[in-house]
N, C-alpha and C. Protein backbone atom coordinates (compact mmCIF):
# COMPACT_ATOMS: atom_id res chain seq x y z
N MET A 1 113.11 67.27 42.36
CA MET A 1 111.85 67.89 42.50
C MET A 1 111.10 67.13 41.76
N ARG A 2 111.27 67.25 40.41
CA ARG A 2 110.40 67.23 39.42
C ARG A 2 109.81 65.59 40.18
N LYS A 3 110.48 64.38 40.81
CA LYS A 3 109.79 63.10 40.75
C LYS A 3 108.48 63.50 42.33
N ILE A 4 109.01 64.74 43.24
CA ILE A 4 108.04 65.04 44.11
C ILE A 4 107.08 65.78 43.60
N VAL A 5 106.96 66.32 42.67
CA VAL A 5 106.14 67.39 41.93
C VAL A 5 104.98 66.18 41.30
N PHE A 6 105.79 65.25 40.70
CA PHE A 6 105.03 63.84 39.88
C PHE A 6 103.66 63.49 40.47
N VAL A 7 104.69 62.80 42.14
CA VAL A 7 104.03 62.24 42.68
C VAL A 7 103.10 62.71 43.54
N GLY A 8 103.17 64.41 43.34
CA GLY A 8 101.95 65.14 44.25
C GLY A 8 100.94 65.40 43.54
N VAL A 9 101.05 65.21 42.19
CA VAL A 9 100.65 65.09 40.98
C VAL A 9 99.51 63.84 40.57
N VAL A 10 100.06 62.60 40.86
CA VAL A 10 99.51 61.29 40.85
C VAL A 10 98.47 60.95 41.96
N VAL A 11 98.98 61.38 43.30
CA VAL A 11 97.96 61.44 44.30
C VAL A 11 96.83 62.27 44.52
N MET A 12 96.91 63.28 44.42
CA MET A 12 96.62 64.04 44.20
C MET A 12 94.92 63.90 43.05
N SER A 13 95.41 62.90 41.55
CA SER A 13 95.23 62.87 40.66
C SER A 13 93.95 61.24 41.23
N LEU A 14 94.91 60.47 41.68
CA LEU A 14 94.07 59.53 42.57
C LEU A 14 92.79 60.03 43.45
N PHE A 15 93.19 60.73 44.43
CA PHE A 15 91.97 61.44 45.37
C PHE A 15 90.75 62.04 44.41
N PHE A 16 91.44 62.56 43.46
CA PHE A 16 89.99 63.35 42.83
C PHE A 16 88.84 62.43 41.91
N PHE A 17 90.25 61.76 41.29
CA PHE A 17 88.69 60.65 41.01
C PHE A 17 88.62 59.07 41.13
N ALA A 18 88.90 59.04 42.68
CA ALA A 18 88.22 58.50 43.60
C ALA A 18 87.26 58.87 44.18
N THR A 19 86.80 59.95 44.49
CA THR A 19 86.35 60.79 45.17
C THR A 19 84.83 61.42 43.85
N SER A 20 85.19 61.75 42.79
CA SER A 20 84.62 62.15 41.32
C SER A 20 83.51 60.57 40.97
N HIS A 21 84.46 59.57 40.78
CA HIS A 21 83.57 58.55 40.21
C HIS A 21 84.15 57.50 39.90
N GLY A 22 85.57 57.10 40.08
CA GLY A 22 86.36 55.22 40.07
C GLY A 22 85.70 54.54 41.18
N PHE A 23 85.85 55.03 42.20
CA PHE A 23 85.81 54.36 42.89
C PHE A 23 84.25 54.08 44.08
N ALA A 24 83.06 54.72 43.10
CA ALA A 24 82.06 55.03 43.80
C ALA A 24 81.65 53.68 43.74
N ALA A 25 80.33 53.75 45.08
CA ALA A 25 79.70 52.28 45.02
C ALA A 25 78.47 52.49 45.05
N ASP A 26 77.54 51.77 44.42
CA ASP A 26 76.36 51.78 44.24
C ASP A 26 75.97 53.10 44.38
N SER A 27 76.23 53.81 43.23
CA SER A 27 76.03 55.27 43.08
C SER A 27 76.36 56.47 43.77
N ALA A 28 76.70 55.54 44.92
CA ALA A 28 77.19 56.38 46.46
C ALA A 28 78.91 56.63 46.27
N ILE A 29 79.12 57.61 46.44
CA ILE A 29 80.68 58.06 46.57
C ILE A 29 81.35 57.31 47.94
N LYS A 30 82.27 56.94 47.44
CA LYS A 30 82.99 56.23 48.79
C LYS A 30 83.77 56.84 49.47
N SER A 31 83.87 57.00 50.99
CA SER A 31 84.65 58.13 51.66
C SER A 31 86.15 57.34 51.49
N ILE A 32 87.24 58.56 51.06
CA ILE A 32 88.30 58.04 51.52
C ILE A 32 89.04 58.29 52.80
N LYS A 33 89.59 57.95 53.54
CA LYS A 33 90.49 57.45 54.80
C LYS A 33 91.72 58.29 54.59
N LEU A 34 92.54 58.95 55.15
CA LEU A 34 93.33 59.56 54.28
C LEU A 34 94.43 60.10 55.70
N GLY A 35 95.74 59.46 55.73
CA GLY A 35 96.24 59.90 56.88
C GLY A 35 97.79 60.34 56.55
N ILE A 36 98.13 60.98 57.51
CA ILE A 36 99.27 62.37 57.44
C ILE A 36 100.26 61.78 58.32
N THR A 37 101.64 61.01 57.75
CA THR A 37 102.75 61.00 58.95
C THR A 37 104.41 61.91 58.27
N ASP A 38 104.98 62.25 59.80
CA ASP A 38 105.91 62.95 59.27
C ASP A 38 107.17 61.94 59.54
N LEU A 39 107.89 61.88 58.54
CA LEU A 39 108.87 60.69 58.26
C LEU A 39 110.22 60.97 59.55
N ASN A 40 110.31 62.47 59.08
CA ASN A 40 111.33 62.92 59.86
C ASN A 40 111.01 62.89 61.10
N ARG A 41 110.13 63.37 61.69
CA ARG A 41 109.39 63.22 63.42
C ARG A 41 109.68 61.59 63.83
N ALA A 42 108.87 60.44 63.07
CA ALA A 42 109.12 60.02 63.21
C ALA A 42 110.70 59.28 63.67
N VAL A 43 111.63 59.47 62.97
CA VAL A 43 113.03 58.89 62.74
C VAL A 43 113.91 59.87 64.19
N ASN A 44 113.03 60.50 64.29
CA ASN A 44 114.13 61.33 65.31
C ASN A 44 113.14 61.00 66.87
N GLU A 45 111.81 60.94 67.07
CA GLU A 45 111.39 60.95 68.16
C GLU A 45 111.64 59.32 68.24
N SER A 46 111.31 58.27 67.52
CA SER A 46 111.32 56.52 67.95
C SER A 46 112.65 56.98 68.93
N GLU A 47 112.39 55.27 69.37
CA GLU A 47 113.68 55.22 70.43
C GLU A 47 114.94 54.79 69.75
N LEU A 48 114.50 53.82 68.75
CA LEU A 48 116.22 53.73 67.97
C LEU A 48 116.52 54.54 67.03
N GLY A 49 115.50 55.47 66.98
CA GLY A 49 116.01 57.04 66.29
C GLY A 49 116.83 58.27 67.05
N LYS A 50 116.37 57.85 68.49
CA LYS A 50 117.31 58.56 69.31
C LYS A 50 118.31 57.56 69.71
N LYS A 51 118.60 56.79 70.03
CA LYS A 51 119.84 55.89 69.89
C LYS A 51 120.70 56.17 69.04
N ALA A 52 120.38 56.23 67.70
CA ALA A 52 121.34 56.56 66.51
C ALA A 52 121.84 57.85 66.37
N LYS A 53 120.75 59.04 66.71
CA LYS A 53 121.15 60.20 66.86
C LYS A 53 122.45 60.36 68.17
N ILE A 54 122.10 59.82 68.84
CA ILE A 54 123.76 60.14 70.24
C ILE A 54 124.65 59.05 69.77
N GLN A 55 124.68 57.77 68.78
CA GLN A 55 125.38 57.18 68.10
C GLN A 55 126.07 58.22 67.26
N LEU A 56 125.55 59.33 66.13
CA LEU A 56 126.37 59.66 65.44
C LEU A 56 126.53 61.01 66.08
N GLU A 57 126.05 61.62 67.14
CA GLU A 57 126.60 62.43 67.61
C GLU A 57 128.20 62.56 68.45
N SER A 58 128.43 60.87 68.53
CA SER A 58 129.18 60.81 69.16
C SER A 58 130.58 60.46 68.61
N GLU A 59 130.11 59.81 67.26
CA GLU A 59 131.24 60.26 66.08
C GLU A 59 131.51 61.64 65.61
N ILE A 60 130.63 62.29 65.76
CA ILE A 60 130.74 63.58 65.24
C ILE A 60 132.04 64.34 66.37
N LYS A 61 131.82 63.92 67.34
CA LYS A 61 132.34 64.65 68.22
C LYS A 61 133.78 64.25 68.52
N GLY A 62 134.47 63.09 68.24
CA GLY A 62 135.17 61.88 67.74
C GLY A 62 136.33 62.95 66.63
N LYS A 63 135.56 62.89 65.34
CA LYS A 63 136.27 63.23 64.22
C LYS A 63 136.37 65.15 64.82
N GLN A 64 135.35 66.07 65.05
CA GLN A 64 135.41 66.54 65.07
C GLN A 64 136.91 67.17 66.26
N GLU A 65 137.14 66.25 66.89
CA GLU A 65 138.37 66.45 68.21
C GLU A 65 139.67 66.49 67.34
N ALA A 66 139.57 65.40 66.07
CA ALA A 66 140.53 65.08 65.69
C ALA A 66 141.25 66.08 64.63
N LEU A 67 139.95 66.63 64.26
CA LEU A 67 140.12 68.47 63.20
C LEU A 67 140.30 69.38 63.85
N ASP A 68 140.06 69.42 65.00
CA ASP A 68 140.47 70.75 65.86
C ASP A 68 142.03 70.54 66.73
N GLU A 69 142.37 69.32 66.58
CA GLU A 69 143.83 69.09 66.41
C GLU A 69 144.80 69.48 65.37
N LYS A 70 144.12 69.18 63.82
CA LYS A 70 144.81 69.50 63.43
C LYS A 70 144.67 70.99 63.09
N GLY A 71 143.98 71.26 63.38
CA GLY A 71 143.38 72.93 63.30
C GLY A 71 144.30 73.99 64.21
N LYS A 72 144.73 73.39 65.78
CA LYS A 72 146.13 73.94 66.29
C LYS A 72 147.00 73.69 65.10
N ALA A 73 147.75 72.80 65.14
CA ALA A 73 148.40 72.88 64.77
C ALA A 73 149.08 73.94 63.57
N ILE A 74 147.73 73.99 63.03
CA ILE A 74 148.11 75.14 61.86
C ILE A 74 147.79 76.09 62.23
N GLU A 75 146.92 76.91 63.42
CA GLU A 75 147.42 78.12 64.38
C GLU A 75 148.88 78.09 64.91
N LYS A 76 149.35 77.04 65.25
CA LYS A 76 150.42 77.15 65.81
C LYS A 76 151.59 77.47 64.44
N LEU A 77 151.68 76.65 63.68
CA LEU A 77 152.45 77.06 62.63
C LEU A 77 152.38 78.32 62.00
N LYS A 78 151.01 78.65 61.97
CA LYS A 78 150.89 80.62 61.59
C LYS A 78 151.51 81.27 62.64
N SER A 79 151.67 81.09 64.02
CA SER A 79 151.40 82.25 64.42
C SER A 79 153.28 81.94 64.78
N ASP A 80 153.66 80.92 64.68
CA ASP A 80 155.80 80.68 64.37
C ASP A 80 156.08 81.26 63.50
N ILE A 81 154.96 81.51 62.32
CA ILE A 81 155.78 82.36 60.87
C ILE A 81 155.66 83.54 61.12
N GLN A 82 154.81 84.08 61.72
CA GLN A 82 154.15 85.32 61.62
C GLN A 82 155.46 85.95 63.05
N GLU A 83 155.23 85.15 64.00
CA GLU A 83 156.48 85.78 65.17
C GLU A 83 158.02 85.45 64.42
N HIS A 84 158.27 84.71 64.29
CA HIS A 84 159.79 84.31 63.69
C HIS A 84 160.09 84.68 61.99
N GLY A 85 159.06 84.58 61.12
CA GLY A 85 159.49 84.97 60.20
C GLY A 85 160.09 85.68 59.80
N ASN A 86 160.45 87.35 60.17
CA ASN A 86 161.75 88.09 60.08
C ASN A 86 162.82 87.82 60.37
N VAL A 87 162.88 86.94 61.61
CA VAL A 87 164.62 86.53 61.77
C VAL A 87 164.53 84.93 60.94
N MET A 88 163.94 84.39 60.53
CA MET A 88 164.03 83.37 59.75
C MET A 88 164.56 83.70 58.11
N SER A 89 165.69 82.78 57.98
CA SER A 89 166.41 82.28 56.48
C SER A 89 165.16 82.78 55.75
N THR A 90 165.56 83.12 54.32
CA THR A 90 164.48 82.21 53.24
C THR A 90 164.60 80.62 53.20
N GLU A 91 164.87 79.83 53.18
CA GLU A 91 164.75 78.81 52.88
C GLU A 91 163.84 77.87 54.20
N ALA A 92 164.20 78.38 55.40
CA ALA A 92 163.31 78.04 56.86
C ALA A 92 161.83 79.05 56.34
N ARG A 93 162.19 79.60 56.37
CA ARG A 93 160.79 80.98 55.68
C ARG A 93 159.61 79.86 55.16
N LYS A 94 160.58 79.73 53.97
CA LYS A 94 159.70 78.59 52.49
C LYS A 94 159.24 77.73 53.22
N SER A 95 160.37 76.72 53.74
CA SER A 95 160.19 75.25 54.31
C SER A 95 158.90 75.46 55.16
N LYS A 96 158.81 76.48 56.00
CA LYS A 96 157.93 76.52 56.94
C LYS A 96 155.93 76.43 56.12
N GLU A 97 156.06 77.77 55.21
CA GLU A 97 155.63 78.10 54.35
C GLU A 97 154.67 76.54 54.00
N ASP A 98 155.75 76.00 52.96
CA ASP A 98 155.25 74.96 53.11
C ASP A 98 154.44 73.31 53.05
N GLU A 99 155.47 73.58 54.60
CA GLU A 99 154.30 73.45 55.64
C GLU A 99 153.45 73.28 56.03
N LEU A 100 152.85 74.90 55.92
CA LEU A 100 151.36 75.58 56.60
C LEU A 100 150.80 75.01 55.32
N GLU A 101 151.16 74.74 54.17
CA GLU A 101 149.93 74.54 53.15
C GLU A 101 149.70 73.12 52.99
N ARG A 102 150.51 72.55 53.21
CA ARG A 102 150.31 70.63 53.31
C ARG A 102 149.36 70.36 54.50
N LEU A 103 149.67 70.94 55.44
CA LEU A 103 148.74 70.74 56.73
C LEU A 103 147.22 71.83 56.56
N ALA A 104 147.25 72.59 55.25
CA ALA A 104 146.49 73.33 55.48
C ALA A 104 145.42 72.56 54.15
N ARG A 105 145.73 71.64 53.19
CA ARG A 105 145.17 70.65 52.65
C ARG A 105 144.49 69.68 53.57
N GLU A 106 145.57 69.45 54.37
CA GLU A 106 145.27 68.03 54.63
C GLU A 106 143.84 67.84 55.77
N TYR A 107 144.14 69.08 56.22
CA TYR A 107 143.48 69.78 56.94
C TYR A 107 141.67 69.33 56.13
N GLN A 108 141.87 70.68 54.98
CA GLN A 108 141.25 70.04 54.43
C GLN A 108 140.12 68.63 53.94
N ARG A 109 140.98 67.84 53.35
CA ARG A 109 140.81 66.81 52.90
C ARG A 109 140.25 66.16 54.39
N ALA A 110 140.45 65.91 55.24
CA ALA A 110 139.83 65.59 56.66
C ALA A 110 138.68 66.34 56.94
N LEU A 111 138.52 67.39 56.80
CA LEU A 111 137.07 67.83 57.02
C LEU A 111 135.89 67.48 55.63
N SER A 112 136.67 67.35 54.59
CA SER A 112 135.52 66.58 53.68
C SER A 112 135.54 65.36 54.00
N ASP A 113 136.38 64.85 54.24
CA ASP A 113 136.19 62.94 54.21
C ASP A 113 135.21 62.78 55.45
N SER A 114 135.52 63.50 56.55
CA SER A 114 134.96 63.24 58.07
C SER A 114 133.07 63.31 57.24
N GLN A 115 132.88 64.90 56.91
CA GLN A 115 132.14 64.83 56.36
C GLN A 115 131.42 64.02 55.38
N ASN A 116 131.84 63.48 54.30
CA ASN A 116 131.39 62.26 53.76
C ASN A 116 131.02 61.18 54.58
N ASP A 117 132.14 60.51 55.82
CA ASP A 117 132.06 59.53 56.44
C ASP A 117 130.19 59.47 56.90
N VAL A 118 130.25 61.23 57.75
CA VAL A 118 129.22 61.58 58.22
C VAL A 118 127.54 61.20 57.82
N ARG A 119 127.66 62.27 56.86
CA ARG A 119 126.91 61.63 55.82
C ARG A 119 126.94 60.37 55.86
N LYS A 120 127.38 59.58 55.08
CA LYS A 120 127.34 57.78 54.92
C LYS A 120 127.03 57.40 55.89
N ARG A 121 127.27 57.57 57.23
CA ARG A 121 127.21 56.77 58.80
C ARG A 121 125.54 57.41 58.74
N GLU A 122 125.02 58.48 59.23
CA GLU A 122 123.65 58.85 59.43
C GLU A 122 122.87 57.89 58.16
N SER A 123 123.26 57.89 56.44
CA SER A 123 122.35 57.37 55.80
C SER A 123 122.17 55.27 57.10
N GLU A 124 123.33 55.51 56.88
CA GLU A 124 123.67 53.95 57.60
C GLU A 124 121.81 53.38 58.55
N LEU A 125 122.43 54.88 59.58
CA LEU A 125 121.68 54.62 60.46
C LEU A 125 120.28 54.38 60.65
N THR A 126 119.87 55.49 59.64
CA THR A 126 118.68 56.25 59.27
C THR A 126 118.22 55.34 58.54
N GLY A 127 118.86 54.26 57.91
CA GLY A 127 118.34 53.51 56.18
C GLY A 127 116.73 52.69 56.71
N GLN A 128 117.20 52.03 57.95
CA GLN A 128 116.57 50.80 57.89
C GLN A 128 116.10 50.98 59.11
N ILE A 129 115.84 52.40 59.74
CA ILE A 129 114.55 52.92 60.61
C ILE A 129 113.54 53.05 59.68
N LEU A 130 114.08 54.02 58.70
CA LEU A 130 112.62 54.37 57.46
C LEU A 130 112.31 53.36 57.15
N LYS A 131 113.39 52.28 56.88
CA LYS A 131 112.46 50.91 56.14
C LYS A 131 111.58 49.99 57.01
N ASP A 132 111.85 50.14 58.34
CA ASP A 132 110.68 49.58 59.63
C ASP A 132 110.12 50.45 59.47
N LEU A 133 110.43 51.68 59.63
CA LEU A 133 108.93 52.84 59.83
C LEU A 133 107.44 52.53 59.04
N ARG A 134 108.44 52.59 57.25
CA ARG A 134 107.45 52.19 56.40
C ARG A 134 106.82 51.15 56.44
N GLU A 135 107.42 49.71 56.61
CA GLU A 135 106.82 48.65 57.26
C GLU A 135 105.69 49.05 58.29
N ILE A 136 106.04 49.46 59.07
CA ILE A 136 104.79 49.88 60.30
C ILE A 136 103.66 50.42 59.35
N ILE A 137 103.90 51.73 58.86
CA ILE A 137 102.91 52.35 58.33
C ILE A 137 101.92 51.70 57.49
N ASN A 138 102.43 50.43 56.80
CA ASN A 138 101.93 50.03 55.63
C ASN A 138 100.67 48.79 56.64
N THR A 139 101.68 48.78 58.02
CA THR A 139 100.79 47.45 58.99
C THR A 139 99.20 48.70 59.34
N VAL A 140 99.85 50.26 60.15
CA VAL A 140 98.98 50.58 60.13
C VAL A 140 97.67 51.06 58.86
N ALA A 141 97.85 51.03 57.71
CA ALA A 141 97.32 51.37 56.74
C ALA A 141 96.38 50.29 56.53
N ARG A 142 96.57 49.02 56.95
CA ARG A 142 96.02 48.20 56.66
C ARG A 142 95.60 47.58 57.58
N ASP A 143 95.55 47.90 59.10
CA ASP A 143 95.04 47.38 59.71
C ASP A 143 93.54 48.80 60.62
N ASP A 144 93.87 49.66 59.74
CA ASP A 144 93.34 50.95 60.33
C ASP A 144 91.92 51.37 58.99
N LYS A 145 92.40 50.35 58.27
CA LYS A 145 92.00 50.44 56.77
C LYS A 145 92.15 52.14 55.87
N TYR A 146 93.15 52.55 55.92
CA TYR A 146 93.79 53.85 54.99
C TYR A 146 93.87 53.58 54.13
N ASP A 147 93.06 54.79 52.92
CA ASP A 147 93.53 54.38 51.47
C ASP A 147 94.37 55.24 51.27
N PHE A 148 94.81 55.97 51.72
CA PHE A 148 96.42 56.43 51.68
C PHE A 148 97.39 57.25 52.87
N ILE A 149 97.88 57.81 52.65
CA ILE A 149 99.31 57.59 53.76
C ILE A 149 99.89 58.83 53.36
N LEU A 150 99.93 60.11 53.05
CA LEU A 150 100.93 60.63 53.10
C LEU A 150 101.82 60.93 53.54
N ASP A 151 103.06 61.20 53.21
CA ASP A 151 104.21 61.78 54.23
C ASP A 151 103.89 63.23 54.27
N GLN A 152 104.52 63.95 55.75
CA GLN A 152 103.81 65.20 55.70
C GLN A 152 105.47 66.16 54.83
N ASN A 153 105.09 66.13 53.99
CA ASN A 153 106.46 66.55 53.13
C ASN A 153 105.84 68.04 52.52
N PRO A 154 106.28 69.34 52.93
CA PRO A 154 105.98 70.64 52.24
C PRO A 154 105.59 70.82 50.95
N ALA A 155 106.58 70.22 50.06
CA ALA A 155 106.49 69.92 48.62
C ALA A 155 104.63 69.16 47.90
N LEU A 156 104.43 68.70 49.35
CA LEU A 156 103.53 67.90 48.55
C LEU A 156 102.07 68.50 49.50
N VAL A 157 101.91 68.12 50.97
CA VAL A 157 101.48 68.78 51.74
C VAL A 157 101.21 70.13 51.92
N ILE A 158 100.88 71.02 51.95
CA ILE A 158 101.11 72.37 51.87
C ILE A 158 99.90 72.31 53.45
N PHE A 159 98.46 72.46 53.60
CA PHE A 159 98.02 72.00 54.68
C PHE A 159 97.69 70.70 55.21
N ALA A 160 97.62 70.36 56.39
CA ALA A 160 96.52 69.06 56.52
C ALA A 160 95.98 69.18 58.11
N ASP A 161 94.82 68.96 58.43
CA ASP A 161 94.39 69.17 59.67
C ASP A 161 94.90 68.19 60.74
N LYS A 162 95.26 68.63 61.67
CA LYS A 162 95.93 67.32 62.75
C LYS A 162 95.51 66.42 62.90
N GLY A 163 93.99 66.70 62.70
CA GLY A 163 93.23 65.43 62.74
C GLY A 163 93.94 63.85 61.85
N PHE A 164 94.53 64.74 60.71
CA PHE A 164 95.16 63.51 59.63
C PHE A 164 96.56 63.05 60.25
N ASP A 165 96.88 63.03 60.81
CA ASP A 165 98.53 63.04 61.73
C ASP A 165 98.58 61.95 62.63
N ILE A 166 98.94 60.61 62.14
CA ILE A 166 99.00 59.53 62.62
C ILE A 166 100.43 58.95 63.22
N THR A 167 101.37 60.26 63.22
CA THR A 167 102.65 59.82 63.36
C THR A 167 103.28 59.47 65.15
N ASP A 168 102.31 60.14 65.93
CA ASP A 168 102.19 59.44 67.21
C ASP A 168 102.01 58.40 67.12
N LYS A 169 101.01 57.78 66.33
CA LYS A 169 100.60 56.10 66.37
C LYS A 169 101.66 55.50 65.81
N VAL A 170 102.10 55.34 64.49
CA VAL A 170 103.38 54.86 64.20
C VAL A 170 104.66 55.05 65.23
N ILE A 171 105.12 56.12 65.81
CA ILE A 171 105.96 56.00 66.67
C ILE A 171 105.93 55.13 67.87
N ARG A 172 104.56 55.31 68.19
CA ARG A 172 104.30 54.13 68.86
C ARG A 172 104.22 52.71 68.82
N LYS A 173 103.71 52.23 67.62
CA LYS A 173 103.84 50.57 67.15
C LYS A 173 104.91 50.50 66.43
N PHE A 174 106.07 51.61 66.02
CA PHE A 174 107.41 51.76 65.78
C PHE A 174 108.43 50.93 66.86
N ASP A 175 108.37 51.69 67.69
CA ASP A 175 108.61 51.06 69.21
C ASP A 175 108.58 49.67 70.00
N GLU A 176 107.31 49.86 69.85
CA GLU A 176 106.52 48.75 70.32
C GLU A 176 107.40 47.36 69.68
N SER A 177 107.00 47.56 68.54
CA SER A 177 107.95 46.44 67.79
C SER A 177 108.83 46.24 67.72
N LYS A 178 109.61 47.08 68.03
CA LYS A 178 111.45 47.03 67.90
C LYS A 178 112.03 46.85 69.69
N GLY A 179 111.21 46.94 70.84
CA GLY A 179 111.60 46.79 71.92
C GLY A 179 110.94 44.94 71.95
N LYS A 180 109.94 44.54 71.64
CA LYS A 180 109.78 42.71 71.39
C LYS A 180 110.96 42.59 70.53
N ASN A 181 111.45 42.89 69.68
CA ASN A 181 111.97 42.05 68.80
C ASN A 181 113.84 42.73 69.03
N ALA A 182 114.31 43.58 70.03
CA ALA A 182 115.77 44.40 70.28
C ALA A 182 116.45 42.70 70.70
N PRO A 183 117.23 42.70 70.74
CA PRO A 183 118.30 41.77 71.53
C PRO A 183 118.79 42.09 73.07
N LYS A 184 118.63 41.05 73.54
CA LYS A 184 118.84 41.46 74.60
C LYS A 184 120.54 41.46 75.30
């Protein structure tokens, strides 16, 4: 959080410095060209981002099915203990309860592992997309002569006129670049 606030302060300081005196040319203040992009939206709405989301959802569904099977086994054992526990011997009941505890621990471990796997996989799938999007943003900045392009992060940008938003342009250029370079 401190890093975000620090970056915000630096950007705003540069902005005020540039508009007040630092980048003045011939005693006239240079206008600053500022753009805003929403990287989250760009990832989610780009073609590669949509494909990554579908792939991740498919992987999550597979993991969820495996977890559901473990959950059903736990519920079956619980119900067996509740229904037949009174007629079981003490040793048999203790054995079933121990098995239930073991299955519950395995379920919790599998759940935790699945959540970690999903986070890691999401990072893998979106990490390269984010890197490529940043390259596209740099290209747009150079080609269209932007001085600053900020991410639409609520911690940094509280308000921005929609005219500054270049997210659609970034998504379009990203999709075009990936369409040309995509393996056939």
